[in-house]
Amino acid sequence: ALSTVPAPLAGAEVEAVEEGGGCWAVRTFGGVADSKAVQQQAQQLRKELERDGVAYQEAAGWKLARYNDPGTPGWLRRNEVMVPLAEPFELWRPGELP
């Protein structure tokens, strides 16, 4: 719960927010997550979802997750771009078996 998260240090450019649940499509990529790279990864993820016939919430945009501190060299960084899937999302389509 958000109430148990420690408050950021004074002057830190960090904000703790609580996100709702749901199903998200995720694309992992390495390198520095600058705006151009993130836009390209998000566009590619949406193209793959459309190719596979998976509905997503287009109006919701995307979210970015960065997993490394700023001192990590770019070639070692791990990032994810996430797109929320349309509700209700079914993992298995009718007639398909896992």
C-alpha atoms as a PDB file:
ATOM      1  CA  ALA A   1       0.000   0.000   0.000  1.00  0.00           C
ATOM      2  CA  LEU A   2       1.114   3.517  -0.725  1.00  0.00           C
ATOM      3  CA  SER A   3       0.845   4.414   2.960  1.00  0.00           C
ATOM      4  CA  THR A   4       3.768   2.066   3.771  1.00  0.00           C
ATOM      5  CA  VAL A   5       6.165   3.541   1.200  1.00  0.00           C
ATOM      6  CA  PRO A   6       8.835   5.789   2.726  1.00  0.00           C
ATOM      7  CA  ALA A   7       8.618   9.449   1.758  1.00  0.00           C
ATOM      8  CA  PRO A   8      11.221  10.605  -0.805  1.00  0.00           C
ATOM      9  CA  LEU A   9      14.118  12.695   0.475  1.00  0.00           C
ATOM     10  CA  ALA A  10      13.650  16.467   0.406  1.00  0.00           C
ATOM     11  CA  GLY A  11      14.522  17.826  -3.028  1.00  0.00           C
ATOM     12  CA  ALA A  12      14.392  14.412  -4.712  1.00  0.00           C
ATOM     13  CA  GLU A  13      12.678  14.325  -8.079  1.00  0.00           C
ATOM     14  CA  VAL A  14      10.746  11.203  -7.135  1.00  0.00           C
ATOM     15  CA  GLU A  15       7.041  10.754  -6.637  1.00  0.00           C
ATOM     16  CA  ALA A  16       5.270   7.732  -5.191  1.00  0.00           C
ATOM     17  CA  VAL A  17       1.937   7.029  -6.864  1.00  0.00           C
ATOM     18  CA  GLU A  18      -0.459   4.122  -6.599  1.00  0.00           C
ATOM     19  CA  GLU A  19      -1.496   2.554  -9.896  1.00  0.00           C
ATOM     20  CA  GLY A  20      -4.656   0.557 -10.390  1.00  0.00           C
ATOM     21  CA  GLY A  21      -4.562  -3.074 -11.399  1.00  0.00           C
ATOM     22  CA  GLY A  22      -5.179  -4.575 -14.785  1.00  0.00           C
ATOM     23  CA  CYS A  23      -3.347  -6.409 -17.521  1.00  0.00           C
ATOM     24  CA  TRP A  24      -0.484  -4.756 -19.334  1.00  0.00           C
ATOM     25  CA  ALA A  25       1.511  -5.701 -22.413  1.00  0.00           C
ATOM     26  CA  VAL A  26       5.211  -5.122 -21.756  1.00  0.00           C
ATOM     27  CA  ARG A  27       8.216  -4.749 -24.037  1.00  0.00           C
ATOM     28  CA  THR A  28      11.657  -4.943 -22.418  1.00  0.00           C
ATOM     29  CA  PHE A  29      14.585  -3.073 -23.932  1.00  0.00           C
ATOM     30  CA  GLY A  30      18.106  -2.100 -22.974  1.00  0.00           C
ATOM     31  CA  GLY A  31      20.015   1.124 -23.239  1.00  0.00           C
ATOM     32  CA  VAL A  32      19.256   4.685 -22.255  1.00  0.00           C
ATOM     33  CA  ALA A  33      15.493   5.298 -22.187  1.00  0.00           C
ATOM     34  CA  ASP A  34      15.433   8.693 -23.877  1.00  0.00           C
ATOM     35  CA  SER A  35      12.211  10.012 -25.404  1.00  0.00           C
ATOM     36  CA  LYS A  36      13.052   8.814 -28.934  1.00  0.00           C
ATOM     37  CA  ALA A  37      13.900   5.263 -27.816  1.00  0.00           C
ATOM     38  CA  VAL A  38      10.796   5.017 -25.636  1.00  0.00           C
ATOM     39  CA  GLN A  39       8.509   6.295 -28.410  1.00  0.00           C
ATOM     40  CA  GLN A  40       9.975   3.723 -30.816  1.00  0.00           C
ATOM     41  CA  GLN A  41       9.550   0.880 -28.323  1.00  0.00           C
ATOM     42  CA  ALA A  42       5.957   1.889 -27.519  1.00  0.00           C
ATOM     43  CA  GLN A  43       5.114   2.110 -31.222  1.00  0.00           C
ATOM     44  CA  GLN A  44       6.635  -1.319 -31.854  1.00  0.00           C
ATOM     45  CA  LEU A  45       4.708  -2.836 -28.940  1.00  0.00           C
ATOM     46  CA  ARG A  46       1.423  -1.412 -30.247  1.00  0.00           C
ATOM     47  CA  LYS A  47       2.193  -2.747 -33.758  1.00  0.00           C
ATOM     48  CA  GLU A  48       2.801  -6.210 -32.311  1.00  0.00           C
ATOM     49  CA  LEU A  49      -0.440  -6.086 -30.317  1.00  0.00           C
ATOM     50  CA  GLU A  50      -2.377  -5.081 -33.437  1.00  0.00           C
ATOM     51  CA  ARG A  51      -0.672  -7.817 -35.471  1.00  0.00           C
ATOM     52  CA  ASP A  52      -1.695 -10.395 -32.854  1.00  0.00           C
ATOM     53  CA  GLY A  53      -5.245  -9.073 -32.542  1.00  0.00           C
ATOM     54  CA  VAL A  54      -4.844  -8.005 -28.910  1.00  0.00           C
ATOM     55  CA  ALA A  55      -6.990  -4.985 -27.982  1.00  0.00           C
ATOM     56  CA  TYR A  56      -5.350  -2.271 -25.897  1.00  0.00           C
ATOM     57  CA  GLN A  57      -6.416   1.034 -24.376  1.00  0.00           C
ATOM     58  CA  GLU A  58      -5.114   3.408 -27.018  1.00  0.00           C
ATOM     59  CA  ALA A  59      -6.250   6.537 -25.168  1.00  0.00           C
ATOM     60  CA  ALA A  60      -4.307   5.487 -22.057  1.00  0.00           C
ATOM     61  CA  GLY A  61      -0.935   5.845 -23.796  1.00  0.00           C
ATOM     62  CA  TRP A  62       1.992   4.003 -22.243  1.00  0.00           C
ATOM     63  CA  LYS A  63       4.089   3.907 -19.085  1.00  0.00           C
ATOM     64  CA  LEU A  64       7.843   3.559 -18.725  1.00  0.00           C
ATOM     65  CA  ALA A  65       9.656   1.523 -16.088  1.00  0.00           C
ATOM     66  CA  ARG A  66      13.386   2.052 -15.510  1.00  0.00           C
ATOM     67  CA  TYR A  67      15.181  -0.442 -13.295  1.00  0.00           C
ATOM     68  CA  ASN A  68      18.659   1.014 -12.895  1.00  0.00           C
ATOM     69  CA  ASP A  69      20.221   3.944 -11.122  1.00  0.00           C
ATOM     70  CA  PRO A  70      21.519   6.845 -13.236  1.00  0.00           C
ATOM     71  CA  GLY A  71      25.113   5.689 -12.752  1.00  0.00           C
ATOM     72  CA  THR A  72      24.565   2.416 -14.610  1.00  0.00           C
ATOM     73  CA  PRO A  73      26.188   2.452 -18.070  1.00  0.00           C
ATOM     74  CA  GLY A  74      23.620   2.632 -20.864  1.00  0.00           C
ATOM     75  CA  TRP A  75      24.482  -0.765 -22.300  1.00  0.00           C
ATOM     76  CA  LEU A  76      23.672  -2.394 -18.927  1.00  0.00           C
ATOM     77  CA  ARG A  77      20.332  -0.681 -18.329  1.00  0.00           C
ATOM     78  CA  ARG A  78      16.986  -2.495 -18.366  1.00  0.00           C
ATOM     79  CA  ASN A  79      13.743  -0.690 -19.203  1.00  0.00           C
ATOM     80  CA  GLU A  80      10.173  -1.625 -20.006  1.00  0.00           C
ATOM     81  CA  VAL A  81       7.460   0.197 -21.902  1.00  0.00           C
ATOM     82  CA  MET A  82       3.940  -0.860 -20.873  1.00  0.00           C
ATOM     83  CA  VAL A  83       0.573  -0.519 -22.628  1.00  0.00           C
ATOM     84  CA  PRO A  84      -2.677  -1.310 -20.763  1.00  0.00           C
ATOM     85  CA  LEU A  85      -4.800  -3.985 -22.407  1.00  0.00           C
ATOM     86  CA  ALA A  86      -8.495  -3.484 -23.051  1.00  0.00           C
ATOM     87  CA  GLU A  87     -10.851  -4.745 -20.372  1.00  0.00           C
ATOM     88  CA  PRO A  88     -12.000  -7.401 -19.997  1.00  0.00           C
ATOM     89  CA  PHE A  89      -8.840  -9.206 -21.050  1.00  0.00           C
ATOM     90  CA  GLU A  90      -8.986 -12.963 -21.479  1.00  0.00           C
ATOM     91  CA  LEU A  91      -5.687 -14.822 -21.345  1.00  0.00           C
ATOM     92  CA  TRP A  92      -7.142 -17.691 -23.385  1.00  0.00           C
ATOM     93  CA  ARG A  93      -9.518 -17.142 -26.258  1.00  0.00           C
ATOM     94  CA  PRO A  94     -12.697 -19.241 -26.357  1.00  0.00           C
ATOM     95  CA  GLY A  95     -11.907 -22.721 -27.670  1.00  0.00           C
ATOM     96  CA  GLU A  96      -8.159 -22.477 -26.981  1.00  0.00           C
ATOM     97  CA  LEU A  97      -6.487 -24.658 -24.409  1.00  0.00           C
ATOM     98  CA  PRO A  98      -3.522 -23.523 -22.359  1.00  0.00           C
END
